[in-house]
Protein backbone atom coordinates (compact mmCIF):
# COMPACT_ATOMS: atom_id res chain seq x y z
CA MET A 1 91.62 55.40 23.93
CA LYS A 2 95.16 54.21 23.04
CA LYS A 3 95.77 53.59 26.75
CA ASN A 4 92.84 51.37 26.48
CA VAL A 5 94.61 49.58 23.50
CA PHE A 6 97.77 49.16 25.08
CA LEU A 7 95.42 47.52 28.32
CA ILE A 8 93.68 45.03 26.48
CA CYS A 9 97.00 44.23 24.34
CA SER A 10 98.62 43.03 27.46
CA LEU A 11 95.66 40.99 28.58
CA ILE A 12 95.86 38.94 25.18
CA LEU A 13 99.19 38.20 26.57
CA SER A 14 98.03 37.06 30.01
CA GLY A 15 95.21 35.09 28.53
CA ILE A 16 98.27 33.03 26.63
CA VAL A 17 99.97 32.63 29.66
CA SER A 18 97.29 31.37 31.72
CA ALA A 19 96.41 28.80 28.73
CA GLN A 20 100.08 27.69 29.15
CA THR A 21 99.80 27.21 32.84
CA ILE A 22 96.50 25.20 32.84
CA LEU A 23 96.98 21.79 34.70
CA LYS A 24 96.37 18.51 32.66
CA PRO A 25 95.20 14.98 34.07
CA GLU A 26 97.94 12.61 35.37
CA ILE A 27 96.64 9.35 34.42
CA PRO A 28 98.50 5.92 35.56
CA GLU A 29 99.66 3.72 32.59
CA THR A 30 97.53 0.79 33.65
CA ARG A 31 94.99 -0.52 30.98
CA PHE A 32 91.66 -2.04 31.39
CA SER A 33 89.46 -3.17 28.33
CA VAL A 34 85.80 -3.02 28.65
CA THR A 35 85.57 -6.30 26.75
CA ASP A 36 87.30 -8.11 29.58
CA TYR A 37 84.07 -7.13 32.03
CA GLY A 38 81.43 -8.38 29.60
CA ALA A 39 81.25 -5.23 27.14
CA SER A 40 80.60 -6.32 23.59
CA ALA A 41 79.69 -5.02 20.11
CA LEU A 42 77.03 -7.54 19.74
CA ALA A 43 75.24 -6.50 23.19
CA LEU A 44 72.00 -4.28 23.39
CA ASP A 45 73.37 -2.64 26.42
CA ASN A 46 76.88 -2.32 27.74
CA THR A 47 76.30 0.24 30.43
CA VAL A 48 76.84 -2.33 33.04
CA ALA A 49 80.09 -3.83 31.61
CA ILE A 50 81.62 -0.38 30.82
CA GLN A 51 80.82 0.88 34.63
CA LYS A 52 82.18 -1.96 36.09
CA THR A 53 85.24 -1.51 34.31
CA ILE A 54 85.53 2.14 35.46
CA ASP A 55 85.07 1.01 38.96
CA GLU A 56 87.72 -1.92 38.77
CA CYS A 57 90.02 0.70 37.42
CA SER A 58 89.46 3.14 39.90
CA ALA A 59 89.82 0.63 42.68
CA ALA A 60 93.39 -0.31 41.19
CA GLY A 61 94.20 3.54 41.36
CA GLY A 62 93.38 4.55 38.27
CA GLY A 63 94.39 3.97 34.40
CA SER A 64 92.86 3.98 30.95
CA VAL A 65 89.84 1.96 30.13
CA ILE A 66 89.73 0.82 26.62
CA ILE A 67 86.60 0.76 24.30
CA PRO A 68 87.92 -1.21 21.19
CA ALA A 69 86.75 -0.68 17.60
CA GLY A 70 82.98 -1.58 17.05
CA THR A 71 79.67 -0.25 17.88
CA PHE A 72 78.87 -0.13 21.93
CA MET A 73 75.09 0.70 22.90
CA CYS A 74 75.50 2.40 26.28
CA GLY A 75 73.30 4.27 28.81
CA PRO A 76 74.50 6.74 31.33
CA ILE A 77 78.32 6.11 32.97
CA VAL A 78 80.06 8.05 35.51
CA MET A 79 83.74 8.80 35.47
CA LYS A 80 85.96 8.52 38.63
CA SER A 81 89.47 10.20 39.47
CA ASN A 82 92.32 9.08 37.57
CA ILE A 83 90.47 7.63 34.72
CA ASN A 84 91.17 8.05 30.58
CA LEU A 85 88.18 6.83 28.76
CA VAL A 86 89.65 6.12 25.58
CA LEU A 87 87.72 5.22 22.32
CA ASP A 88 89.67 3.35 19.78
CA ASP A 89 89.69 4.20 16.48
CA GLY A 90 86.60 2.49 14.80
CA CYS A 91 84.83 2.83 18.11
CA ILE A 92 81.31 4.34 18.28
CA LEU A 93 79.95 4.76 21.70
CA LYS A 94 76.12 5.05 21.01
CA ALA A 95 73.82 6.51 23.39
CA LEU A 96 70.88 4.19 23.91
CA PRO A 97 67.54 5.11 21.94
CA TYR A 98 65.15 7.67 23.52
CA GLY A 99 62.28 5.19 24.92
CA LYS A 100 59.20 6.84 24.53
CA GLY A 101 59.61 9.76 26.93
CA ASN A 102 60.79 8.08 30.09
CA GLY A 103 63.18 4.84 28.72
CA ILE A 104 61.05 2.35 30.02
CA VAL A 105 61.30 0.18 27.37
CA GLU A 106 63.98 -2.43 27.29
CA GLY A 107 67.22 -1.22 25.73
CA SER A 108 66.40 2.45 25.47
CA TYR A 109 67.69 5.18 27.38
CA PRO A 110 66.60 5.09 31.01
CA ASN A 111 65.32 8.03 33.06
CA ASN A 112 66.86 9.41 36.35
CA GLY A 113 64.07 8.31 38.14
CA LYS A 114 61.91 10.77 37.47
CA PRO A 115 59.50 11.16 34.33
CA ASP A 116 61.12 12.97 31.17
CA ARG A 117 64.23 13.57 33.24
CA TYR A 118 67.61 12.30 31.61
CA ALA A 119 71.05 11.66 33.18
CA HIS A 120 74.19 12.71 30.93
CA LEU A 121 75.83 10.09 28.79
CA ILE A 122 79.40 10.53 30.53
CA SER A 123 79.16 12.27 33.68
CA GLY A 124 81.64 13.02 36.62
CA LYS A 125 81.13 15.24 40.06
CA ARG A 126 83.89 16.21 42.29
CA VAL A 127 86.67 14.13 40.68
CA GLN A 128 90.00 15.07 39.43
CA ASN A 129 92.32 13.65 36.67
CA ILE A 130 89.89 12.31 34.08
CA LYS A 131 90.06 12.23 30.24
CA VAL A 132 88.14 11.32 27.33
CA SER A 133 90.44 10.68 24.21
CA GLY A 134 90.81 8.41 21.17
CA LYS A 135 89.98 8.88 17.55
CA GLY A 136 86.31 7.10 18.46
CA VAL A 137 82.75 8.53 18.20
CA ILE A 138 80.32 9.56 20.55
CA GLU A 139 76.93 9.24 18.86
CA GLY A 140 73.84 10.99 20.63
CA ASP A 141 71.32 9.19 18.33
CA GLY A 142 69.74 12.66 18.94
CA SER A 143 66.91 12.83 16.36
CA ALA A 144 64.05 11.10 18.39
CA TRP A 145 64.81 13.02 21.38
CA TRP A 146 64.66 16.18 19.30
CA THR A 147 61.26 15.37 18.24
CA ALA A 148 60.16 14.64 21.41
CA PHE A 149 61.44 17.88 22.75
CA ARG A 150 59.65 20.05 20.12
CA ALA A 151 56.48 18.14 21.37
CA ASN A 152 56.97 18.60 25.28
CA ARG A 153 59.61 21.38 26.07
CA SER A 154 59.61 19.96 29.62
CA ILE A 155 61.66 16.92 29.01
CA LYS A 156 65.02 17.38 30.56
CA ARG A 157 67.70 15.91 27.66
CA GLY A 158 71.45 15.06 28.90
CA CYS A 159 74.42 16.06 27.53
CA LEU A 160 76.94 13.46 25.77
CA ILE A 161 79.73 14.78 28.43
CA ARG A 162 79.23 16.97 31.42
CA PHE A 163 81.68 17.47 34.24
CA ASP A 164 80.79 19.57 37.61
CA ASN A 165 83.43 20.64 40.36
CA CYS A 166 85.93 18.44 38.50
CA ARG A 167 89.62 19.62 38.23
CA ASN A 168 92.12 18.81 35.86
CA ILE A 169 90.04 17.57 32.78
CA GLU A 170 91.17 16.67 29.04
CA ILE A 171 89.09 15.85 26.00
CA CYS A 172 90.82 15.30 22.82
CA GLY A 173 90.86 13.81 19.63
CA ILE A 174 87.37 12.55 19.62
CA ARG A 175 84.38 12.97 17.38
CA LEU A 176 80.82 13.68 19.04
CA GLN A 177 77.59 13.91 17.02
CA ASN A 178 73.95 14.41 17.35
CA ALA A 179 73.55 15.17 21.07
CA PRO A 180 70.11 14.79 22.61
CA ASN A 181 71.24 18.20 24.09
CA VAL A 182 74.41 20.05 24.81
CA HIS A 183 77.69 17.97 23.53
CA ILE A 184 79.87 18.81 25.98
CA THR A 185 79.07 21.01 29.38
CA LEU A 186 82.19 22.12 31.34
CA GLY A 187 80.00 22.79 34.34
CA ARG A 188 80.31 25.20 37.51
CA GLY A 189 83.51 24.44 40.22
CA SER A 190 85.61 22.92 37.65
CA SER A 191 88.87 24.20 36.52
CA ASP A 192 91.91 23.36 34.46
CA ILE A 193 90.39 22.22 31.53
CA THR A 194 91.48 21.45 27.91
CA VAL A 195 89.52 20.56 24.92
CA ARG A 196 91.48 19.96 21.56
CA ASP A 197 91.50 18.37 18.29
CA ILE A 198 87.85 17.05 18.53
CA THR A 199 85.04 17.44 16.25
CA ILE A 200 81.33 18.09 17.18
CA GLU A 201 78.79 18.16 14.57
CA ALA A 202 74.73 18.14 14.74
CA PRO A 203 72.37 19.46 12.10
CA ASP A 204 71.64 23.13 12.42
CA GLU A 205 67.71 22.15 13.39
CA ALA A 206 68.78 20.36 16.36
CA PRO A 207 67.33 22.23 19.09
CA ASN A 208 69.93 23.50 22.04
CA SER A 209 72.33 21.00 20.82
CA ASP A 210 75.63 23.41 21.70
CA GLY A 211 78.67 22.23 21.02
CA ILE A 212 80.70 23.24 24.15
CA ASP A 213 79.38 24.88 27.13
CA VAL A 214 81.31 26.63 29.73
CA TRP A 215 80.89 27.79 33.29
CA ALA A 216 84.64 27.58 34.46
CA PRO A 217 87.86 29.16 34.61
CA ASN A 218 91.20 28.23 33.12
CA VAL A 219 90.18 26.52 30.14
CA LEU A 220 92.01 26.25 26.70
CA ILE A 221 90.19 25.26 23.65
CA TYR A 222 92.14 24.47 20.51
CA ASN A 223 92.34 22.86 17.02
CA CYS A 224 88.22 22.13 17.13
CA ASN A 225 85.82 21.73 14.37
CA ILE A 226 82.31 22.46 15.77
CA ALA A 227 79.03 22.73 13.62
CA CYS A 228 75.70 22.28 15.61
CA GLY A 229 72.05 23.59 15.99
CA ASP A 230 72.81 26.44 18.76
CA ASP A 231 75.85 28.10 20.08
CA ASN A 232 79.24 26.58 18.77
CA ILE A 233 80.87 27.52 22.17
CA ALA A 234 78.74 29.55 25.01
CA MET A 235 80.71 31.10 27.64
CA ASP A 236 78.68 31.48 30.71
CA SER A 237 79.12 32.89 34.37
CA GLY A 238 81.88 31.75 36.03
CA THR A 239 84.09 31.61 32.70
CA LYS A 240 87.46 33.30 33.19
CA ASN A 241 90.82 32.89 31.64
CA ILE A 242 89.51 31.11 28.81
CA THR A 243 91.65 31.02 25.45
CA ILE A 244 89.91 29.60 22.40
CA ARG A 245 92.27 29.25 19.47
CA LYS A 246 92.44 27.58 15.70
CA CYS A 247 88.93 26.59 15.82
CA ASN A 248 86.56 26.32 12.72
CA PHE A 249 82.90 26.87 13.16
CA GLY A 250 80.17 25.88 10.86
CA ASN A 251 76.45 26.16 11.20
CA GLY A 252 75.38 27.14 14.70
CA HIS A 253 75.08 30.66 16.47
CA GLY A 254 78.68 31.36 17.00
CA CYS A 255 81.38 31.57 19.85
CA SER A 256 79.17 33.30 21.97
CA ILE A 257 79.33 34.89 25.64
CA GLY A 258 76.29 34.44 27.42
CA SER A 259 73.51 34.57 28.09
CA TYR A 260 74.31 34.43 31.78
CA THR A 261 77.46 36.59 31.97
CA ALA A 262 78.02 37.44 35.73
CA GLY A 263 81.78 37.46 36.33
CA ILE A 264 82.98 36.73 32.90
CA GLU A 265 86.41 38.02 32.21
CA ASN A 266 89.95 37.49 30.38
CA VAL A 267 88.19 36.00 27.25
CA LEU A 268 90.64 35.50 24.40
CA VAL A 269 89.39 34.16 21.00
CA ASP A 270 92.03 33.92 18.43
CA SER A 271 92.97 32.48 14.88
CA CYS A 272 89.54 31.09 14.32
CA SER A 273 86.78 30.85 11.05
CA PHE A 274 83.33 31.27 10.86
CA LYS A 275 81.60 30.08 7.86
CA ASN A 276 77.53 30.01 7.48
CA THR A 277 77.15 30.39 11.27
CA GLU A 278 73.92 32.65 12.48
CA SER A 279 76.35 34.92 14.57
CA ALA A 280 79.85 34.67 15.07
CA ILE A 281 81.18 37.16 17.62
CA ARG A 282 78.27 37.22 19.99
CA MET A 283 77.68 38.77 23.24
CA LYS A 284 74.17 38.35 25.05
CA SER A 285 72.93 39.09 28.61
CA ASN A 286 69.88 41.05 29.99
CA ARG A 287 69.29 43.21 32.98
CA SER A 288 68.95 40.00 35.37
CA ARG A 289 72.07 37.84 34.23
CA GLY A 290 75.07 40.13 34.10
CA GLY A 291 77.62 41.95 35.99
CA GLY A 292 81.35 42.16 35.66
CA GLU A 293 81.77 41.39 31.87
CA LYS A 294 85.30 42.54 31.03
CA ASN A 295 88.47 42.26 29.22
CA ILE A 296 87.15 40.12 25.88
CA ILE A 297 89.19 39.95 22.96
CA TYR A 298 88.42 38.56 19.40
CA SER A 299 91.52 38.31 17.02
CA ASN A 300 92.70 37.28 13.94
CA ILE A 301 89.37 36.23 12.64
CA THR A 302 87.61 35.53 9.34
CA ILE A 303 83.97 35.36 9.26
CA ASP A 304 82.08 34.44 5.57
CA ASN A 305 78.33 34.55 5.17
CA VAL A 306 77.11 34.89 8.56
CA ARG A 307 73.83 37.11 9.19
CA LYS A 308 75.06 39.06 12.02
CA PRO A 309 78.79 38.53 12.39
CA ILE A 310 79.29 41.12 15.46
CA PHE A 311 76.32 40.87 17.74
CA ILE A 312 76.78 42.79 21.30
CA THR A 313 73.68 43.08 23.47
CA SER A 314 72.57 43.79 26.86
CA TYR A 315 68.93 42.70 25.90
CA TYR A 316 68.54 39.09 25.48
CA PRO A 317 66.59 37.18 23.90
CA LYS A 318 64.94 40.16 22.06
CA THR A 319 66.14 43.99 21.44
CA PRO A 320 63.52 46.46 21.75
CA LYS A 321 61.61 47.08 18.30
CA ASP A 322 62.74 50.77 18.75
CA VAL A 323 65.78 52.06 20.37
CA THR A 324 63.75 55.03 21.82
CA GLU A 325 61.01 52.95 23.55
CA ASP A 326 63.04 51.45 26.61
CA SER A 327 63.96 53.90 29.34
CA ALA A 328 66.87 53.56 32.13
CA GLU A 329 66.55 51.76 34.90
CA GLU A 330 68.50 51.45 38.10
CA VAL A 331 72.04 49.71 37.79
CA THR A 332 71.99 46.73 40.17
CA ALA A 333 74.76 43.94 40.57
CA THR A 334 73.05 42.21 37.90
CA THR A 335 73.15 44.62 34.96
CA PRO A 336 75.40 43.86 32.12
CA SER A 337 78.59 45.80 32.49
CA TRP A 338 80.47 45.10 29.29
CA ASN A 339 83.87 46.76 29.48
CA ASN A 340 87.14 46.24 27.46
CA ILE A 341 86.26 44.87 24.26
CA PHE A 342 89.02 44.45 21.58
CA LEU A 343 88.46 43.32 17.99
CA ARG A 344 91.36 43.04 16.17
CA ASN A 345 92.60 42.05 12.58
CA ILE A 346 89.13 40.45 11.58
CA GLU A 347 87.74 40.42 8.07
CA ILE A 348 84.19 39.82 7.59
CA TYR A 349 82.46 39.34 4.12
CA ASP A 350 79.16 38.37 2.24
CA CYS A 351 77.22 38.98 5.64
CA GLU A 352 73.53 40.32 6.11
CA TYR A 353 74.49 43.06 8.66
CA ALA A 354 77.69 44.56 9.41
CA GLY A 355 76.74 44.25 13.17
CA ILE A 356 74.84 45.37 16.17
CA ILE A 357 76.26 46.67 19.37
CA TRP A 358 73.37 47.45 21.94
CA GLY A 359 73.83 48.58 25.65
CA VAL A 360 71.17 49.41 28.01
CA PRO A 361 70.63 53.05 28.65
CA GLU A 362 71.73 53.19 32.57
CA LEU A 363 74.98 51.28 31.66
CA PRO A 364 76.39 51.56 28.46
CA ILE A 365 78.58 49.29 26.82
CA ARG A 366 82.14 51.00 27.43
CA ASN A 367 85.68 50.81 25.69
CA VAL A 368 85.24 49.05 22.31
CA VAL A 369 88.08 49.15 19.92
CA PHE A 370 87.93 48.06 16.08
CA ASP A 371 91.66 47.66 15.23
CA ASN A 372 92.10 46.47 11.66
CA VAL A 373 88.81 45.31 11.05
CA LYS A 374 87.40 45.17 7.61
CA ILE A 375 83.55 44.45 7.04
CA ARG A 376 81.56 43.84 3.62
CA ALA A 377 77.74 43.47 4.11
CA THR A 378 74.59 44.35 2.97
CA LYS A 379 73.09 46.32 5.76
CA GLY A 380 75.15 48.67 8.18
CA MET A 381 75.87 48.59 11.97
CA GLU A 382 73.79 49.71 14.60
CA ILE A 383 75.79 51.33 17.59
CA ASN A 384 73.35 52.13 20.60
CA TYR A 385 74.18 53.19 24.09
CA VAL A 386 78.15 52.51 23.69
CA SER A 387 80.59 54.70 25.23
CA ASN A 388 84.32 55.19 24.08
CA ILE A 389 84.13 53.18 21.02
CA SER A 390 86.90 53.79 18.16
CA PHE A 391 87.85 52.08 14.82
CA ILE A 392 91.69 52.36 13.94
CA ASN A 393 94.36 51.12 11.66
CA GLY A 394 92.25 51.12 8.65
CA SER A 395 88.87 49.52 10.27
CA SER A 396 85.99 49.92 7.73
CA ILE A 397 82.56 49.16 6.98
CA SER A 398 81.33 48.73 3.42
CA VAL A 399 77.67 48.13 2.75
CA LYS A 400 75.21 47.77 -0.45
CA LYS A 401 72.33 49.55 1.55
CA GLY A 402 71.78 52.79 3.36
CA ASP A 403 74.48 54.57 5.70
CA ALA A 404 77.27 52.22 7.24
CA VAL A 405 76.92 53.38 10.60
CA LYS A 406 73.69 54.39 12.62
CA VAL A 407 74.26 55.51 15.98
CA TYR A 408 72.11 56.21 19.05
CA GLU A 409 73.49 57.91 22.55
CA SER A 410 76.99 57.03 21.03
CA ALA A 411 79.76 58.56 19.55
CA PRO A 412 82.16 56.12 17.25
CA GLU A 413 85.45 57.91 16.36
CA GLY A 414 87.63 57.13 13.48
CA ILE A 415 84.83 56.28 10.77
CA ASP A 416 82.52 57.90 8.48
CA PHE A 417 79.00 57.03 9.47
CA SER A 418 77.79 57.54 6.01
CA SER A 419 80.74 55.64 3.95
CA GLY A 420 82.06 53.57 6.28
CA LYS A 421 85.47 54.80 5.44
CA PRO A 422 88.46 55.41 8.06
CA VAL A 423 88.62 59.07 9.27
CA SER A 424 91.59 60.64 10.59
CA LYS A 425 91.66 62.96 13.55
């Protein structure tokens, strides 16, 4: 196990290096104001004026598109290469309101040509050198969308920001709130992405209101505050070489990996805090969504009042009621293959469960290290189908009810199953 510890420590350093070499957008110094093209805080809909400003800026070779202070109602707009969309201090870019399901009411959010299908508020495809910045707010006005979605789950709601097949992206400084669906999606085919110094906020009952969804390699996320109604951050298939650092997470489902996990590797989550989230260190997949998950590090973390602070499972969305009720199946290319999970310098307190780590019988979770992890919870940790798992450097689990650790087809080292105290060989 010591060999594995040194291996994963080296991956922490490689993750930091990869974050430092992420390419940022290079934006020309030219500035265009949306008010010069007809946008106004008094207008019912500024979509055409803002899009025209972006198009004119692009035609001139790129630059910054400025939205000044004031509330600007807007529908879907599309980014072009070499553009920095700047929301000045005091600016609120507000999504047009949900319009009776199809956006057919004047001044409401338009559909994308099909009933109950809606475009993203800010989107980009196959563009590069793009930035969304400033001290302003993007307001999704999501309440009516959430109500409509609860009544009709077939509604396809857009993100506030989504980029697909884009390169050299930066999102910084702004506040995003109350998205109809996900706040930011960094989609497939994208790379070299920095998200920093932003705030995301939505109520915990807002359905599917993830903070940031990542499907791309070479990503740096830092100094962000995220509270929402689903995953605070979700890393999905294609996520590689990602560093998440110095972020604070409020209500939400945690800094998650999955549930689509194929090919996820080299993940570093460092110096973050979780308070009142549903989960914190969360990895989720199933037999049809996985394959190749490896080299995952959560370090220097504090977790307070979280129901399931550590939740790693190859069963999603539900684990079996009893660990003995599921039998081994054939290992396929999509079987989750979690390997090399390193949890270091973590303080967990006032939580309901110490944790759940549950692999499938045909392919256990492999090589898990708890290094200086202190857990105080009401109930103990459940470890099922995990091979080569160790608690080192004083790692402990203190519980109020029952045994500290319950195992099935697993043999954790370095901890007393009953008391949760460290055990030396």
